[in-house]
Amino acid sequence: MLNNIGLPGLLLIAVVVLVLFGRGKISSLMGEVGKGITSFKKGVSEGSKELEDETVDTARDVTPETESEKDKDKV
């Protein structure tokens, strides 16, 4: 049903929404949508950075110790 709306249908919907809500209400709504998208992107980047930091913290050195390092640990 929504596959064949076309350009005239979209324009009609836009005009009806503009008449119902007014220009000021729509612009403030779009501003809020923009703030929400920005906040979402910031949260995603902070979450991925937090996961990366946890991975770095849990990574361990698996190289074998040399004899000199073992002697230093005993002292």
PDB file of N, CA and C in Angstrom:
ATOM      1  N   MET A   1       0.820  -1.187   0.000  1.00  0.00           N
ATOM      2  CA  MET A   1       0.000   0.000   0.000  1.00  0.00           C
ATOM      3  C   MET A   1       0.869   1.258   0.000  1.00  0.00           C
ATOM      4  N   LEU A   2       1.902   1.288   0.843  1.00  0.00           N
ATOM      5  CA  LEU A   2       2.755   2.466   0.933  1.00  0.00           C
ATOM      6  C   LEU A   2       3.854   2.460  -0.120  1.00  0.00           C
ATOM      7  N   ASN A   3       3.913   1.431  -0.926  1.00  0.00           N
ATOM      8  CA  ASN A   3       4.964   1.348  -1.937  1.00  0.00           C
ATOM      9  C   ASN A   3       4.758   2.334  -3.076  1.00  0.00           C
ATOM     10  N   ASN A   4       3.534   2.738  -3.356  1.00  0.00           N
ATOM     11  CA  ASN A   4       3.283   3.587  -4.512  1.00  0.00           C
ATOM     12  C   ASN A   4       2.634   4.925  -4.133  1.00  0.00           C
ATOM     13  N   ILE A   5       3.121   5.562  -3.059  1.00  0.00           N
ATOM     14  CA  ILE A   5       2.587   6.869  -2.669  1.00  0.00           C
ATOM     15  C   ILE A   5       2.997   7.916  -3.697  1.00  0.00           C
ATOM     16  N   GLY A   6       4.257   7.989  -4.028  1.00  0.00           N
ATOM     17  CA  GLY A   6       4.745   8.930  -5.023  1.00  0.00           C
ATOM     18  C   GLY A   6       4.939  10.327  -4.473  1.00  0.00           C
ATOM     19  N   LEU A   7       5.478  11.182  -5.310  1.00  0.00           N
ATOM     20  CA  LEU A   7       5.774  12.557  -4.916  1.00  0.00           C
ATOM     21  C   LEU A   7       4.521  13.384  -4.611  1.00  0.00           C
ATOM     22  N   PRO A   8       3.472  13.286  -5.415  1.00  0.00           N
ATOM     23  CA  PRO A   8       2.269  14.073  -5.079  1.00  0.00           C
ATOM     24  C   PRO A   8       1.651  13.680  -3.738  1.00  0.00           C
ATOM     25  N   GLY A   9       1.677  12.418  -3.423  1.00  0.00           N
ATOM     26  CA  GLY A   9       1.145  11.967  -2.137  1.00  0.00           C
ATOM     27  C   GLY A   9       1.965  12.471  -0.969  1.00  0.00           C
ATOM     28  N   LEU A  10       3.298  12.447  -1.114  1.00  0.00           N
ATOM     29  CA  LEU A  10       4.161  12.955  -0.052  1.00  0.00           C
ATOM     30  C   LEU A  10       3.979  14.459   0.141  1.00  0.00           C
ATOM     31  N   LEU A  11       3.832  15.179  -0.956  1.00  0.00           N
ATOM     32  CA  LEU A  11       3.593  16.623  -0.848  1.00  0.00           C
ATOM     33  C   LEU A  11       2.266  16.923  -0.158  1.00  0.00           C
ATOM     34  N   LEU A  12       1.240  16.161  -0.471  1.00  0.00           N
ATOM     35  CA  LEU A  12      -0.058  16.340   0.169  1.00  0.00           C
ATOM     36  C   LEU A  12       0.029  16.076   1.665  1.00  0.00           C
ATOM     37  N   ILE A  13       0.736  15.019   2.042  1.00  0.00           N
ATOM     38  CA  ILE A  13       0.913  14.704   3.466  1.00  0.00           C
ATOM     39  C   ILE A  13       1.674  15.827   4.158  1.00  0.00           C
ATOM     40  N   ALA A  14       2.730  16.350   3.526  1.00  0.00           N
ATOM     41  CA  ALA A  14       3.510  17.434   4.116  1.00  0.00           C
ATOM     42  C   ALA A  14       2.659  18.687   4.313  1.00  0.00           C
ATOM     43  N   VAL A  15       1.818  19.006   3.347  1.00  0.00           N
ATOM     44  CA  VAL A  15       0.954  20.195   3.459  1.00  0.00           C
ATOM     45  C   VAL A  15      -0.062  20.013   4.583  1.00  0.00           C
ATOM     46  N   VAL A  16      -0.642  18.839   4.688  1.00  0.00           N
ATOM     47  CA  VAL A  16      -1.625  18.582   5.747  1.00  0.00           C
ATOM     48  C   VAL A  16      -0.968  18.683   7.118  1.00  0.00           C
ATOM     49  N   VAL A  17       0.229  18.125   7.267  1.00  0.00           N
ATOM     50  CA  VAL A  17       0.938  18.202   8.551  1.00  0.00           C
ATOM     51  C   VAL A  17       1.275  19.652   8.871  1.00  0.00           C
ATOM     52  N   LEU A  18       1.708  20.407   7.886  1.00  0.00           N
ATOM     53  CA  LEU A  18       2.040  21.811   8.100  1.00  0.00           C
ATOM     54  C   LEU A  18       0.818  22.624   8.523  1.00  0.00           C
ATOM     55  N   VAL A  19      -0.317  22.343   7.919  1.00  0.00           N
ATOM     56  CA  VAL A  19      -1.544  23.060   8.277  1.00  0.00           C
ATOM     57  C   VAL A  19      -2.002  22.675   9.682  1.00  0.00           C
ATOM     58  N   LEU A  20      -1.911  21.407  10.015  1.00  0.00           N
ATOM     59  CA  LEU A  20      -2.381  20.952  11.327  1.00  0.00           C
ATOM     60  C   LEU A  20      -1.509  21.459  12.472  1.00  0.00           C
ATOM     61  N   PHE A  21      -0.203  21.393  12.317  1.00  0.00           N
ATOM     62  CA  PHE A  21       0.682  21.699  13.434  1.00  0.00           C
ATOM     63  C   PHE A  21       1.295  23.083  13.367  1.00  0.00           C
ATOM     64  N   GLY A  22       1.435  23.650  12.225  1.00  0.00           N
ATOM     65  CA  GLY A  22       2.055  24.972  12.115  1.00  0.00           C
ATOM     66  C   GLY A  22       3.560  24.882  11.999  1.00  0.00           C
ATOM     67  N   ARG A  23       4.143  25.943  11.428  1.00  0.00           N
ATOM     68  CA  ARG A  23       5.574  25.943  11.158  1.00  0.00           C
ATOM     69  C   ARG A  23       6.407  25.913  12.444  1.00  0.00           C
ATOM     70  N   GLY A  24       6.009  26.655  13.463  1.00  0.00           N
ATOM     71  CA  GLY A  24       6.771  26.729  14.711  1.00  0.00           C
ATOM     72  C   GLY A  24       6.838  25.397  15.440  1.00  0.00           C
ATOM     73  N   LYS A  25       5.720  24.711  15.478  1.00  0.00           N
ATOM     74  CA  LYS A  25       5.678  23.423  16.174  1.00  0.00           C
ATOM     75  C   LYS A  25       6.534  22.389  15.455  1.00  0.00           C
ATOM     76  N   ILE A  26       6.493  22.399  14.132  1.00  0.00           N
ATOM     77  CA  ILE A  26       7.271  21.427  13.365  1.00  0.00           C
ATOM     78  C   ILE A  26       8.762  21.712  13.508  1.00  0.00           C
ATOM     79  N   SER A  27       9.164  22.980  13.476  1.00  0.00           N
ATOM     80  CA  SER A  27      10.592  23.294  13.606  1.00  0.00           C
ATOM     81  C   SER A  27      11.118  22.918  14.990  1.00  0.00           C
ATOM     82  N   SER A  28      10.320  23.142  16.028  1.00  0.00           N
ATOM     83  CA  SER A  28      10.764  22.748  17.372  1.00  0.00           C
ATOM     84  C   SER A  28      10.828  21.226  17.495  1.00  0.00           C
ATOM     85  N   LEU A  29       9.903  20.540  16.848  1.00  0.00           N
ATOM     86  CA  LEU A  29       9.930  19.076  16.859  1.00  0.00           C
ATOM     87  C   LEU A  29      11.172  18.549  16.156  1.00  0.00           C
ATOM     88  N   MET A  30      11.525  19.135  15.018  1.00  0.00           N
ATOM     89  CA  MET A  30      12.720  18.705  14.281  1.00  0.00           C
ATOM     90  C   MET A  30      13.983  19.007  15.081  1.00  0.00           C
ATOM     91  N   GLY A  31      13.983  20.107  15.834  1.00  0.00           N
ATOM     92  CA  GLY A  31      15.120  20.418  16.702  1.00  0.00           C
ATOM     93  C   GLY A  31      15.299  19.364  17.770  1.00  0.00           C
ATOM     94  N   GLU A  32      14.196  18.914  18.348  1.00  0.00           N
ATOM     95  CA  GLU A  32      14.262  17.862  19.366  1.00  0.00           C
ATOM     96  C   GLU A  32      14.731  16.534  18.771  1.00  0.00           C
ATOM     97  N   VAL A  33      14.288  16.252  17.555  1.00  0.00           N
ATOM     98  CA  VAL A  33      14.742  15.031  16.880  1.00  0.00           C
ATOM     99  C   VAL A  33      16.246  15.090  16.648  1.00  0.00           C
ATOM    100  N   GLY A  34      16.754  16.239  16.230  1.00  0.00           N
ATOM    101  CA  GLY A  34      18.185  16.416  16.027  1.00  0.00           C
ATOM    102  C   GLY A  34      18.975  16.231  17.306  1.00  0.00           C
ATOM    103  N   LYS A  35      18.470  16.781  18.412  1.00  0.00           N
ATOM    104  CA  LYS A  35      19.134  16.610  19.707  1.00  0.00           C
ATOM    105  C   LYS A  35      19.144  15.146  20.129  1.00  0.00           C
ATOM    106  N   GLY A  36      18.047  14.448  19.851  1.00  0.00           N
ATOM    107  CA  GLY A  36      17.979  13.030  20.191  1.00  0.00           C
ATOM    108  C   GLY A  36      18.968  12.200  19.402  1.00  0.00           C
ATOM    109  N   ILE A  37      19.100  12.493  18.110  1.00  0.00           N
ATOM    110  CA  ILE A  37      20.062  11.762  17.280  1.00  0.00           C
ATOM    111  C   ILE A  37      21.487  12.026  17.756  1.00  0.00           C
ATOM    112  N   THR A  38      21.788  13.290  18.082  1.00  0.00           N
ATOM    113  CA  THR A  38      23.124  13.641  18.578  1.00  0.00           C
ATOM    114  C   THR A  38      23.420  12.925  19.886  1.00  0.00           C
ATOM    115  N   SER A  39      22.441  12.889  20.772  1.00  0.00           N
ATOM    116  CA  SER A  39      22.614  12.213  22.058  1.00  0.00           C
ATOM    117  C   SER A  39      22.815  10.717  21.863  1.00  0.00           C
ATOM    118  N   PHE A  40      22.082  10.129  20.929  1.00  0.00           N
ATOM    119  CA  PHE A  40      22.219   8.701  20.655  1.00  0.00           C
ATOM    120  C   PHE A  40      23.618   8.379  20.133  1.00  0.00           C
ATOM    121  N   LYS A  41      24.114   9.190  19.194  1.00  0.00           N
ATOM    122  CA  LYS A  41      25.452   8.961  18.650  1.00  0.00           C
ATOM    123  C   LYS A  41      26.511   9.102  19.733  1.00  0.00           C
ATOM    124  N   LYS A  42      26.337  10.083  20.624  1.00  0.00           N
ATOM    125  CA  LYS A  42      27.293  10.284  21.712  1.00  0.00           C
ATOM    126  C   LYS A  42      27.287   9.080  22.656  1.00  0.00           C
ATOM    127  N   GLY A  43      26.105   8.563  22.961  1.00  0.00           N
ATOM    128  CA  GLY A  43      26.006   7.396  23.828  1.00  0.00           C
ATOM    129  C   GLY A  43      26.632   6.165  23.211  1.00  0.00           C
ATOM    130  N   VAL A  44      26.444   5.977  21.920  1.00  0.00           N
ATOM    131  CA  VAL A  44      27.036   4.822  21.241  1.00  0.00           C
ATOM    132  C   VAL A  44      28.555   4.918  21.256  1.00  0.00           C
ATOM    133  N   SER A  45      29.097   6.108  20.985  1.00  0.00           N
ATOM    134  CA  SER A  45      30.553   6.251  20.969  1.00  0.00           C
ATOM    135  C   SER A  45      31.138   6.078  22.375  1.00  0.00           C
ATOM    136  N   GLU A  46      30.449   6.593  23.397  1.00  0.00           N
ATOM    137  CA  GLU A  46      30.930   6.413  24.769  1.00  0.00           C
ATOM    138  C   GLU A  46      30.860   4.943  25.185  1.00  0.00           C
ATOM    139  N   GLY A  47      29.808   4.253  24.757  1.00  0.00           N
ATOM    140  CA  GLY A  47      29.687   2.835  25.085  1.00  0.00           C
ATOM    141  C   GLY A  47      30.766   2.005  24.430  1.00  0.00           C
ATOM    142  N   SER A  48      31.063   2.282  23.181  1.00  0.00           N
ATOM    143  CA  SER A  48      32.115   1.523  22.506  1.00  0.00           C
ATOM    144  C   SER A  48      33.483   1.842  23.104  1.00  0.00           C
ATOM    145  N   LYS A  49      33.693   3.101  23.513  1.00  0.00           N
ATOM    146  CA  LYS A  49      34.960   3.467  24.154  1.00  0.00           C
ATOM    147  C   LYS A  49      35.087   2.754  25.498  1.00  0.00           C
ATOM    148  N   GLU A  50      33.989   2.656  26.231  1.00  0.00           N
ATOM    149  CA  GLU A  50      34.013   1.969  27.519  1.00  0.00           C
ATOM    150  C   GLU A  50      34.324   0.486  27.345  1.00  0.00           C
ATOM    151  N   LEU A  51      33.731  -0.141  26.346  1.00  0.00           N
ATOM    152  CA  LEU A  51      34.030  -1.550  26.072  1.00  0.00           C
ATOM    153  C   LEU A  51      35.476  -1.740  25.654  1.00  0.00           C
ATOM    154  N   GLU A  52      35.996  -0.809  24.867  1.00  0.00           N
ATOM    155  CA  GLU A  52      37.392  -0.889  24.440  1.00  0.00           C
ATOM    156  C   GLU A  52      38.327  -0.755  25.640  1.00  0.00           C
ATOM    157  N   ASP A  53      38.005   0.162  26.555  1.00  0.00           N
ATOM    158  CA  ASP A  53      38.827   0.336  27.756  1.00  0.00           C
ATOM    159  C   ASP A  53      38.806  -0.918  28.618  1.00  0.00           C
ATOM    160  N   GLU A  54      37.647  -1.561  28.743  1.00  0.00           N
ATOM    161  CA  GLU A  54      37.561  -2.802  29.515  1.00  0.00           C
ATOM    162  C   GLU A  54      38.395  -3.897  28.880  1.00  0.00           C
ATOM    163  N   THR A  55      38.384  -3.961  27.559  1.00  0.00           N
ATOM    164  CA  THR A  55      39.161  -4.974  26.856  1.00  0.00           C
ATOM    165  C   THR A  55      40.645  -4.759  27.089  1.00  0.00           C
ATOM    166  N   VAL A  56      41.079  -3.500  27.065  1.00  0.00           N
ATOM    167  CA  VAL A  56      42.485  -3.195  27.300  1.00  0.00           C
ATOM    168  C   VAL A  56      42.862  -3.550  28.735  1.00  0.00           C
ATOM    169  N   ASP A  57      41.982  -3.268  29.687  1.00  0.00           N
ATOM    170  CA  ASP A  57      42.269  -3.565  31.090  1.00  0.00           C
ATOM    171  C   ASP A  57      42.359  -5.068  31.348  1.00  0.00           C
ATOM    172  N   THR A  58      41.533  -5.858  30.677  1.00  0.00           N
ATOM    173  CA  THR A  58      41.528  -7.295  30.929  1.00  0.00           C
ATOM    174  C   THR A  58      42.561  -8.040  30.103  1.00  0.00           C
ATOM    175  N   ALA A  59      43.152  -7.366  29.111  1.00  0.00           N
ATOM    176  CA  ALA A  59      44.193  -8.018  28.322  1.00  0.00           C
ATOM    177  C   ALA A  59      45.388  -8.288  29.220  1.00  0.00           C
ATOM    178  N   ARG A  60      46.031  -9.407  28.993  1.00  0.00           N
ATOM    179  CA  ARG A  60      47.175  -9.737  29.838  1.00  0.00           C
ATOM    180  C   ARG A  60      48.365 -10.073  28.976  1.00  0.00           C
ATOM    181  N   ASP A  61      49.512  -9.926  29.564  1.00  0.00           N
ATOM    182  CA  ASP A  61      50.752 -10.207  28.867  1.00  0.00           C
ATOM    183  C   ASP A  61      51.025 -11.700  28.980  1.00  0.00           C
ATOM    184  N   VAL A  62      51.119 -12.382  27.865  1.00  0.00           N
ATOM    185  CA  VAL A  62      51.321 -13.830  27.878  1.00  0.00           C
ATOM    186  C   VAL A  62      52.716 -14.223  27.426  1.00  0.00           C
ATOM    187  N   THR A  63      53.612 -13.236  27.321  1.00  0.00           N
ATOM    188  CA  THR A  63      54.974 -13.575  26.931  1.00  0.00           C
ATOM    189  C   THR A  63      55.670 -14.245  28.110  1.00  0.00           C
ATOM    190  N   PRO A  64      56.471 -15.252  27.836  1.00  0.00           N
ATOM    191  CA  PRO A  64      57.159 -15.937  28.941  1.00  0.00           C
ATOM    192  C   PRO A  64      58.223 -15.036  29.560  1.00  0.00           C
ATOM    193  N   GLU A  65      58.415 -15.221  30.866  1.00  0.00           N
ATOM    194  CA  GLU A  65      59.417 -14.430  31.567  1.00  0.00           C
ATOM    195  C   GLU A  65      60.802 -14.971  31.262  1.00  0.00           C
ATOM    196  N   THR A  66      61.770 -14.069  31.208  1.00  0.00           N
ATOM    197  CA  THR A  66      63.155 -14.498  31.023  1.00  0.00           C
ATOM    198  C   THR A  66      63.743 -14.809  32.388  1.00  0.00           C
ATOM    199  N   GLU A  67      64.925 -15.384  32.408  1.00  0.00           N
ATOM    200  CA  GLU A  67      65.565 -15.754  33.672  1.00  0.00           C
ATOM    201  C   GLU A  67      65.872 -14.516  34.526  1.00  0.00           C
ATOM    202  N   SER A  68      66.266 -13.407  33.872  1.00  0.00           N
ATOM    203  CA  SER A  68      66.591 -12.200  34.635  1.00  0.00           C
ATOM    204  C   SER A  68      65.347 -11.607  35.286  1.00  0.00           C
ATOM    205  N   GLU A  69      64.198 -11.720  34.623  1.00  0.00           N
ATOM    206  CA  GLU A  69      62.954 -11.198  35.204  1.00  0.00           C
ATOM    207  C   GLU A  69      62.530 -12.056  36.386  1.00  0.00           C
ATOM    208  N   LYS A  70      62.772 -13.373  36.301  1.00  0.00           N
ATOM    209  CA  LYS A  70      62.432 -14.255  37.430  1.00  0.00           C
ATOM    210  C   LYS A  70      63.290 -13.933  38.641  1.00  0.00           C
ATOM    211  N   ASP A  71      64.566 -13.607  38.399  1.00  0.00           N
ATOM    212  CA  ASP A  71      65.468 -13.272  39.508  1.00  0.00           C
ATOM    213  C   ASP A  71      65.038 -11.958  40.157  1.00  0.00           C
ATOM    214  N   LYS A  72      64.533 -11.001  39.367  1.00  0.00           N
ATOM    215  CA  LYS A  72      64.086  -9.732  39.922  1.00  0.00           C
ATOM    216  C   LYS A  72      62.859  -9.922  40.787  1.00  0.00           C
ATOM    217  N   ASP A  73      61.980 -10.870  40.407  1.00  0.00           N
ATOM    218  CA  ASP A  73      60.770 -11.127  41.185  1.00  0.00           C
ATOM    219  C   ASP A  73      61.105 -11.726  42.541  1.00  0.00           C
ATOM    220  N   LYS A  74      62.169 -12.477  42.639  1.00  0.00           N
ATOM    221  CA  LYS A  74      62.560 -13.128  43.901  1.00  0.00           C
ATOM    222  C   LYS A  74      63.122 -12.131  44.899  1.00  0.00           C
ATOM    223  N   VAL A  75      63.688 -11.038  44.433  1.00  0.00           N
ATOM    224  CA  VAL A  75      64.333 -10.060  45.310  1.00  0.00           C
ATOM    225  C   VAL A  75      63.337  -9.161  45.918  1.00  0.00           C
TER     226      VAL A  75
END
